[in-house]
Amino acid sequence: KVRIDASDIDEAEDRVIAGPSKKDRTISQREREMVAYHEAGHTIVGLVLSNARVVHKVTIVPRGRAGGYMIALPKEDQMLLSKDDLKEQLAGLMGGRVAEEIIFNAQTTGASNDFEQATQMARAMVTEYGMSD
């Protein structure tokens, strides 16, 4: 290839963030729908909350261990995050699980990474930042 274009940059970004695409992976229609609603849940929370990060990209193309993902970027460079900022990030992380429960009345393992990130953030809020109630 002689030139790179925007799709090459997009693919490189996705590969760095989430790993190589799993285009050959067979996914049932139901699982694809569950992943789509899960990612939509993250996205909706990100669009509704005032302190939330800006939704940059949402995809249900499987990569690495993920069936899909949503990338949110800060609205501006921030050195300090408020308790409200962190609580809204926690809400965004939980948006996928909430969507699964509302749409499918089910809980899946798809939220495991979300729970891992939320647990680390909540623990830091209490033990490192003194943000307990």
N, C-alpha and C. Protein backbone atom coordinates (compact mmCIF):
# COMPACT_ATOMS: atom_id res chain seq x y z
N LYS A 1 0.85 -1.18 0.00
CA LYS A 1 0.00 0.00 0.00
C LYS A 1 0.89 1.24 0.00
N VAL A 2 0.58 2.16 -0.87
CA VAL A 2 1.41 3.35 -1.03
C VAL A 2 1.01 4.46 -0.08
N ARG A 3 -0.29 4.62 0.16
CA ARG A 3 -0.78 5.72 1.00
C ARG A 3 -1.66 5.18 2.12
N ILE A 4 -1.68 5.91 3.20
CA ILE A 4 -2.62 5.58 4.25
C ILE A 4 -3.76 6.59 4.21
N ASP A 5 -4.94 6.12 4.59
CA ASP A 5 -6.09 7.02 4.64
C ASP A 5 -6.75 6.92 6.00
N ALA A 6 -7.87 7.60 6.16
CA ALA A 6 -8.55 7.66 7.46
C ALA A 6 -8.94 6.28 7.96
N SER A 7 -9.33 5.38 7.06
CA SER A 7 -9.72 4.03 7.50
C SER A 7 -8.52 3.27 8.09
N ASP A 8 -7.33 3.51 7.56
CA ASP A 8 -6.13 2.88 8.12
C ASP A 8 -5.84 3.39 9.53
N ILE A 9 -6.01 4.67 9.72
CA ILE A 9 -5.78 5.27 11.04
C ILE A 9 -6.83 4.76 12.03
N ASP A 10 -8.08 4.69 11.57
CA ASP A 10 -9.17 4.18 12.41
C ASP A 10 -8.89 2.73 12.83
N GLU A 11 -8.47 1.91 11.89
CA GLU A 11 -8.15 0.51 12.17
C GLU A 11 -6.98 0.41 13.16
N ALA A 12 -5.96 1.23 12.98
CA ALA A 12 -4.81 1.22 13.89
C ALA A 12 -5.23 1.61 15.30
N GLU A 13 -6.07 2.63 15.41
CA GLU A 13 -6.57 3.07 16.72
C GLU A 13 -7.33 1.93 17.40
N ASP A 14 -8.23 1.29 16.65
CA ASP A 14 -9.01 0.19 17.20
C ASP A 14 -8.12 -0.97 17.63
N ARG A 15 -7.13 -1.27 16.82
CA ARG A 15 -6.23 -2.39 17.12
C ARG A 15 -5.44 -2.13 18.40
N VAL A 16 -4.98 -0.90 18.59
CA VAL A 16 -4.23 -0.55 19.80
C VAL A 16 -5.13 -0.60 21.02
N ILE A 17 -6.35 -0.07 20.90
CA ILE A 17 -7.26 0.01 22.04
C ILE A 17 -7.84 -1.35 22.41
N ALA A 18 -8.29 -2.11 21.40
CA ALA A 18 -9.06 -3.31 21.70
C ALA A 18 -8.50 -4.60 21.11
N GLY A 19 -7.40 -4.53 20.39
CA GLY A 19 -6.82 -5.73 19.82
C GLY A 19 -7.28 -5.95 18.38
N PRO A 20 -6.78 -7.01 17.77
CA PRO A 20 -7.13 -7.28 16.37
C PRO A 20 -8.60 -7.66 16.23
N SER A 21 -9.18 -7.31 15.08
CA SER A 21 -10.59 -7.65 14.87
C SER A 21 -10.73 -9.16 14.70
N LYS A 22 -11.88 -9.66 15.09
CA LYS A 22 -12.18 -11.09 15.00
C LYS A 22 -13.28 -11.27 13.96
N LYS A 23 -13.01 -10.85 12.72
CA LYS A 23 -14.02 -10.88 11.67
C LYS A 23 -14.48 -12.30 11.35
N ASP A 24 -13.62 -13.28 11.58
CA ASP A 24 -13.98 -14.66 11.29
C ASP A 24 -14.77 -15.31 12.42
N ARG A 25 -14.92 -14.61 13.52
CA ARG A 25 -15.65 -15.14 14.67
C ARG A 25 -17.15 -15.18 14.36
N THR A 26 -17.77 -16.32 14.56
CA THR A 26 -19.20 -16.46 14.30
C THR A 26 -19.97 -16.09 15.56
N ILE A 27 -20.87 -15.13 15.40
CA ILE A 27 -21.67 -14.65 16.53
C ILE A 27 -23.14 -14.79 16.16
N SER A 28 -23.92 -15.34 17.07
CA SER A 28 -25.35 -15.49 16.81
C SER A 28 -26.02 -14.12 16.73
N GLN A 29 -27.16 -14.08 16.07
CA GLN A 29 -27.90 -12.83 15.96
C GLN A 29 -28.30 -12.31 17.34
N ARG A 30 -28.71 -13.19 18.24
CA ARG A 30 -29.11 -12.77 19.59
C ARG A 30 -27.92 -12.14 20.32
N GLU A 31 -26.77 -12.79 20.24
CA GLU A 31 -25.60 -12.23 20.93
C GLU A 31 -25.19 -10.89 20.32
N ARG A 32 -25.27 -10.78 19.01
CA ARG A 32 -24.96 -9.52 18.34
C ARG A 32 -25.90 -8.42 18.83
N GLU A 33 -27.18 -8.74 18.96
CA GLU A 33 -28.16 -7.77 19.48
C GLU A 33 -27.85 -7.39 20.93
N MET A 34 -27.49 -8.39 21.73
CA MET A 34 -27.17 -8.10 23.13
C MET A 34 -25.96 -7.18 23.24
N VAL A 35 -24.95 -7.43 22.42
CA VAL A 35 -23.77 -6.57 22.42
C VAL A 35 -24.15 -5.16 21.97
N ALA A 36 -24.99 -5.07 20.94
CA ALA A 36 -25.40 -3.77 20.42
C ALA A 36 -26.16 -2.97 21.49
N TYR A 37 -27.08 -3.61 22.17
CA TYR A 37 -27.82 -2.90 23.23
C TYR A 37 -26.90 -2.54 24.40
N HIS A 38 -25.98 -3.43 24.72
CA HIS A 38 -25.03 -3.16 25.80
C HIS A 38 -24.23 -1.89 25.48
N GLU A 39 -23.67 -1.84 24.28
CA GLU A 39 -22.88 -0.66 23.90
C GLU A 39 -23.76 0.58 23.77
N ALA A 40 -24.99 0.40 23.32
CA ALA A 40 -25.93 1.54 23.26
C ALA A 40 -26.21 2.07 24.66
N GLY A 41 -26.26 1.19 25.65
CA GLY A 41 -26.47 1.63 27.03
C GLY A 41 -25.36 2.55 27.50
N HIS A 42 -24.12 2.17 27.23
CA HIS A 42 -22.99 3.05 27.56
C HIS A 42 -23.14 4.39 26.85
N THR A 43 -23.49 4.33 25.58
CA THR A 43 -23.58 5.53 24.75
C THR A 43 -24.66 6.47 25.23
N ILE A 44 -25.83 5.93 25.54
CA ILE A 44 -26.95 6.77 26.01
C ILE A 44 -26.58 7.48 27.30
N VAL A 45 -25.99 6.76 28.23
CA VAL A 45 -25.57 7.39 29.49
C VAL A 45 -24.57 8.51 29.19
N GLY A 46 -23.64 8.25 28.30
CA GLY A 46 -22.65 9.26 27.94
C GLY A 46 -23.25 10.50 27.31
N LEU A 47 -24.33 10.32 26.58
CA LEU A 47 -24.98 11.46 25.93
C LEU A 47 -25.86 12.25 26.88
N VAL A 48 -26.39 11.59 27.90
CA VAL A 48 -27.36 12.23 28.80
C VAL A 48 -26.70 13.00 29.94
N LEU A 49 -25.62 12.47 30.50
CA LEU A 49 -25.02 13.09 31.67
C LEU A 49 -24.15 14.29 31.30
N SER A 50 -24.25 15.34 32.09
CA SER A 50 -23.57 16.60 31.75
C SER A 50 -22.05 16.53 31.91
N ASN A 51 -21.56 15.80 32.89
CA ASN A 51 -20.11 15.72 33.13
C ASN A 51 -19.45 14.55 32.42
N ALA A 52 -20.25 13.78 31.70
CA ALA A 52 -19.72 12.57 31.07
C ALA A 52 -18.76 12.92 29.94
N ARG A 53 -17.97 11.95 29.58
CA ARG A 53 -17.03 12.13 28.47
C ARG A 53 -17.81 12.13 27.15
N VAL A 54 -17.19 12.62 26.11
CA VAL A 54 -17.81 12.70 24.79
C VAL A 54 -17.66 11.35 24.08
N VAL A 55 -18.77 10.85 23.56
CA VAL A 55 -18.74 9.59 22.83
C VAL A 55 -17.96 9.80 21.53
N HIS A 56 -16.89 9.04 21.37
CA HIS A 56 -16.02 9.14 20.19
C HIS A 56 -16.36 8.06 19.17
N LYS A 57 -16.59 6.84 19.66
CA LYS A 57 -16.84 5.73 18.74
C LYS A 57 -17.59 4.62 19.47
N VAL A 58 -18.51 3.99 18.74
CA VAL A 58 -19.23 2.82 19.25
C VAL A 58 -19.18 1.76 18.16
N THR A 59 -18.83 0.53 18.53
CA THR A 59 -18.78 -0.53 17.53
C THR A 59 -19.17 -1.87 18.16
N ILE A 60 -19.72 -2.74 17.32
CA ILE A 60 -19.98 -4.11 17.77
C ILE A 60 -19.14 -5.10 16.95
N VAL A 61 -18.07 -4.60 16.36
CA VAL A 61 -17.11 -5.48 15.69
C VAL A 61 -16.28 -6.13 16.79
N PRO A 62 -16.31 -7.46 16.89
CA PRO A 62 -15.55 -8.13 17.95
C PRO A 62 -14.05 -7.90 17.79
N ARG A 63 -13.40 -7.60 18.92
CA ARG A 63 -11.94 -7.42 18.95
C ARG A 63 -11.45 -7.97 20.28
N GLY A 64 -10.33 -8.67 20.23
CA GLY A 64 -9.79 -9.23 21.46
C GLY A 64 -10.85 -10.09 22.14
N ARG A 65 -11.09 -9.85 23.40
CA ARG A 65 -12.11 -10.59 24.15
C ARG A 65 -13.45 -9.88 24.14
N ALA A 66 -13.52 -8.70 23.54
CA ALA A 66 -14.74 -7.89 23.59
C ALA A 66 -15.61 -8.13 22.36
N GLY A 67 -16.92 -8.18 22.60
CA GLY A 67 -17.87 -8.28 21.51
C GLY A 67 -18.09 -6.94 20.84
N GLY A 68 -17.73 -5.88 21.54
CA GLY A 68 -17.87 -4.51 21.05
C GLY A 68 -17.33 -3.57 22.10
N TYR A 69 -17.33 -2.30 21.80
CA TYR A 69 -16.87 -1.33 22.80
C TYR A 69 -17.29 0.07 22.40
N MET A 70 -17.23 0.95 23.39
CA MET A 70 -17.52 2.36 23.19
C MET A 70 -16.32 3.14 23.70
N ILE A 71 -15.84 4.07 22.89
CA ILE A 71 -14.72 4.92 23.30
C ILE A 71 -15.28 6.29 23.64
N ALA A 72 -14.99 6.76 24.84
CA ALA A 72 -15.39 8.10 25.27
C ALA A 72 -14.14 8.89 25.61
N LEU A 73 -14.11 10.11 25.16
CA LEU A 73 -12.96 10.98 25.38
C LEU A 73 -13.35 12.15 26.26
N PRO A 74 -12.41 12.67 27.04
CA PRO A 74 -12.73 13.84 27.87
C PRO A 74 -13.13 15.03 27.00
N LYS A 75 -14.05 15.85 27.53
CA LYS A 75 -14.48 17.04 26.80
C LYS A 75 -13.33 18.02 26.65
N GLU A 76 -12.45 18.03 27.63
CA GLU A 76 -11.29 18.92 27.62
C GLU A 76 -10.21 18.29 28.47
N ASP A 77 -9.00 18.79 28.34
CA ASP A 77 -7.91 18.30 29.19
C ASP A 77 -8.23 18.64 30.64
N GLN A 78 -8.15 17.65 31.50
CA GLN A 78 -8.42 17.87 32.91
C GLN A 78 -7.29 17.29 33.74
N MET A 79 -6.80 18.08 34.65
CA MET A 79 -5.81 17.60 35.60
C MET A 79 -6.51 17.01 36.82
N LEU A 80 -7.66 17.57 37.15
CA LEU A 80 -8.40 17.16 38.34
C LEU A 80 -9.80 16.73 37.95
N LEU A 81 -10.28 15.67 38.58
CA LEU A 81 -11.65 15.20 38.38
C LEU A 81 -12.42 15.38 39.67
N SER A 82 -13.63 15.86 39.56
CA SER A 82 -14.48 16.03 40.74
C SER A 82 -15.16 14.70 41.07
N LYS A 83 -15.74 14.65 42.24
CA LYS A 83 -16.50 13.47 42.64
C LYS A 83 -17.64 13.24 41.65
N ASP A 84 -18.31 14.32 41.22
CA ASP A 84 -19.39 14.19 40.24
C ASP A 84 -18.88 13.64 38.91
N ASP A 85 -17.70 14.09 38.48
CA ASP A 85 -17.10 13.55 37.25
C ASP A 85 -16.93 12.04 37.36
N LEU A 86 -16.37 11.60 38.46
CA LEU A 86 -16.11 10.17 38.66
C LEU A 86 -17.40 9.37 38.78
N LYS A 87 -18.39 9.94 39.46
CA LYS A 87 -19.67 9.24 39.59
C LYS A 87 -20.34 9.08 38.22
N GLU A 88 -20.19 10.08 37.35
CA GLU A 88 -20.76 9.96 36.01
C GLU A 88 -19.99 8.95 35.18
N GLN A 89 -18.68 8.85 35.38
CA GLN A 89 -17.93 7.80 34.69
C GLN A 89 -18.38 6.42 35.17
N LEU A 90 -18.64 6.29 36.46
CA LEU A 90 -19.17 5.03 36.98
C LEU A 90 -20.52 4.70 36.36
N ALA A 91 -21.38 5.71 36.25
CA ALA A 91 -22.69 5.50 35.64
C ALA A 91 -22.53 5.04 34.19
N GLY A 92 -21.60 5.66 33.47
CA GLY A 92 -21.35 5.25 32.09
C GLY A 92 -20.90 3.81 31.99
N LEU A 93 -20.05 3.39 32.90
CA LEU A 93 -19.60 2.00 32.92
C LEU A 93 -20.75 1.03 33.17
N MET A 94 -21.72 1.43 33.96
CA MET A 94 -22.85 0.56 34.29
C MET A 94 -23.96 0.60 33.24
N GLY A 95 -23.89 1.55 32.32
CA GLY A 95 -24.94 1.70 31.31
C GLY A 95 -25.17 0.45 30.47
N GLY A 96 -24.12 -0.28 30.16
CA GLY A 96 -24.27 -1.50 29.37
C GLY A 96 -25.05 -2.57 30.09
N ARG A 97 -24.72 -2.81 31.35
CA ARG A 97 -25.44 -3.82 32.14
C ARG A 97 -26.90 -3.43 32.31
N VAL A 98 -27.16 -2.16 32.57
CA VAL A 98 -28.54 -1.70 32.74
C VAL A 98 -29.33 -1.95 31.46
N ALA A 99 -28.74 -1.66 30.31
CA ALA A 99 -29.42 -1.90 29.04
C ALA A 99 -29.74 -3.39 28.86
N GLU A 100 -28.81 -4.27 29.21
CA GLU A 100 -29.06 -5.71 29.12
C GLU A 100 -30.27 -6.10 29.96
N GLU A 101 -30.33 -5.57 31.17
CA GLU A 101 -31.43 -5.92 32.07
C GLU A 101 -32.76 -5.36 31.58
N ILE A 102 -32.75 -4.13 31.07
CA ILE A 102 -34.00 -3.52 30.59
C ILE A 102 -34.51 -4.23 29.34
N ILE A 103 -33.66 -4.44 28.37
CA ILE A 103 -34.08 -4.99 27.08
C ILE A 103 -34.29 -6.49 27.13
N PHE A 104 -33.39 -7.22 27.76
CA PHE A 104 -33.43 -8.68 27.72
C PHE A 104 -33.80 -9.34 29.05
N ASN A 105 -33.97 -8.53 30.09
CA ASN A 105 -34.23 -9.07 31.42
C ASN A 105 -33.19 -10.15 31.76
N ALA A 106 -31.94 -9.84 31.44
CA ALA A 106 -30.86 -10.81 31.61
C ALA A 106 -29.58 -10.10 32.03
N GLN A 107 -28.70 -10.88 32.63
CA GLN A 107 -27.36 -10.41 32.96
C GLN A 107 -26.38 -11.35 32.28
N THR A 108 -25.38 -10.77 31.61
CA THR A 108 -24.39 -11.59 30.91
C THR A 108 -22.99 -11.27 31.43
N THR A 109 -22.04 -12.03 30.94
CA THR A 109 -20.64 -11.78 31.30
C THR A 109 -20.06 -10.61 30.50
N GLY A 110 -20.84 -10.04 29.60
CA GLY A 110 -20.37 -8.94 28.77
C GLY A 110 -19.96 -7.70 29.55
N ALA A 111 -20.44 -7.59 30.77
CA ALA A 111 -20.13 -6.41 31.59
C ALA A 111 -18.92 -6.62 32.51
N SER A 112 -18.23 -7.74 32.38
CA SER A 112 -17.15 -8.04 33.33
C SER A 112 -16.05 -6.98 33.33
N ASN A 113 -15.63 -6.52 32.17
CA ASN A 113 -14.60 -5.49 32.12
C ASN A 113 -15.12 -4.18 32.69
N ASP A 114 -16.40 -3.89 32.44
CA ASP A 114 -17.01 -2.68 32.99
C ASP A 114 -16.98 -2.72 34.52
N PHE A 115 -17.31 -3.87 35.09
CA PHE A 115 -17.30 -4.01 36.55
C PHE A 115 -15.88 -3.90 37.10
N GLU A 116 -14.93 -4.46 36.37
CA GLU A 116 -13.53 -4.38 36.79
C GLU A 116 -13.08 -2.92 36.86
N GLN A 117 -13.38 -2.16 35.81
CA GLN A 117 -13.00 -0.74 35.78
C GLN A 117 -13.73 0.05 36.86
N ALA A 118 -15.03 -0.22 37.03
CA ALA A 118 -15.82 0.50 38.02
C ALA A 118 -15.33 0.21 39.43
N THR A 119 -14.97 -1.04 39.69
CA THR A 119 -14.46 -1.41 41.01
C THR A 119 -13.16 -0.68 41.31
N GLN A 120 -12.26 -0.65 40.34
CA GLN A 120 -10.99 0.07 40.53
C GLN A 120 -11.24 1.55 40.80
N MET A 121 -12.17 2.13 40.04
CA MET A 121 -12.46 3.56 40.19
C MET A 121 -13.10 3.84 41.55
N ALA A 122 -14.08 3.04 41.94
CA ALA A 122 -14.76 3.25 43.22
C ALA A 122 -13.79 3.06 44.39
N ARG A 123 -12.93 2.06 44.29
CA ARG A 123 -11.94 1.83 45.34
C ARG A 123 -11.00 3.03 45.45
N ALA A 124 -10.55 3.55 44.32
CA ALA A 124 -9.67 4.73 44.34
C ALA A 124 -10.39 5.94 44.91
N MET A 125 -11.66 6.09 44.60
CA MET A 125 -12.42 7.22 45.13
C MET A 125 -12.40 7.22 46.66
N VAL A 126 -12.53 6.04 47.25
CA VAL A 126 -12.57 5.93 48.71
C VAL A 126 -11.17 5.93 49.32
N THR A 127 -10.29 5.09 48.80
CA THR A 127 -9.00 4.88 49.47
C THR A 127 -7.92 5.89 49.08
N GLU A 128 -8.01 6.47 47.88
CA GLU A 128 -6.97 7.40 47.43
C GLU A 128 -7.44 8.85 47.44
N TYR A 129 -8.73 9.08 47.15
CA TYR A 129 -9.22 10.45 47.00
C TYR A 129 -10.07 10.92 48.17
N GLY A 130 -10.37 10.04 49.12
CA GLY A 130 -11.18 10.42 50.28
C GLY A 130 -12.58 10.86 49.92
N MET A 131 -13.17 10.22 48.91
CA MET A 131 -14.49 10.63 48.42
C MET A 131 -15.60 9.70 48.89
N SER A 132 -15.52 9.21 50.11
CA SER A 132 -16.60 8.37 50.63
C SER A 132 -17.67 9.25 51.26
N ASP A 133 -18.88 8.74 51.28
CA ASP A 133 -19.99 9.48 51.90
C ASP A 133 -20.15 9.10 53.34
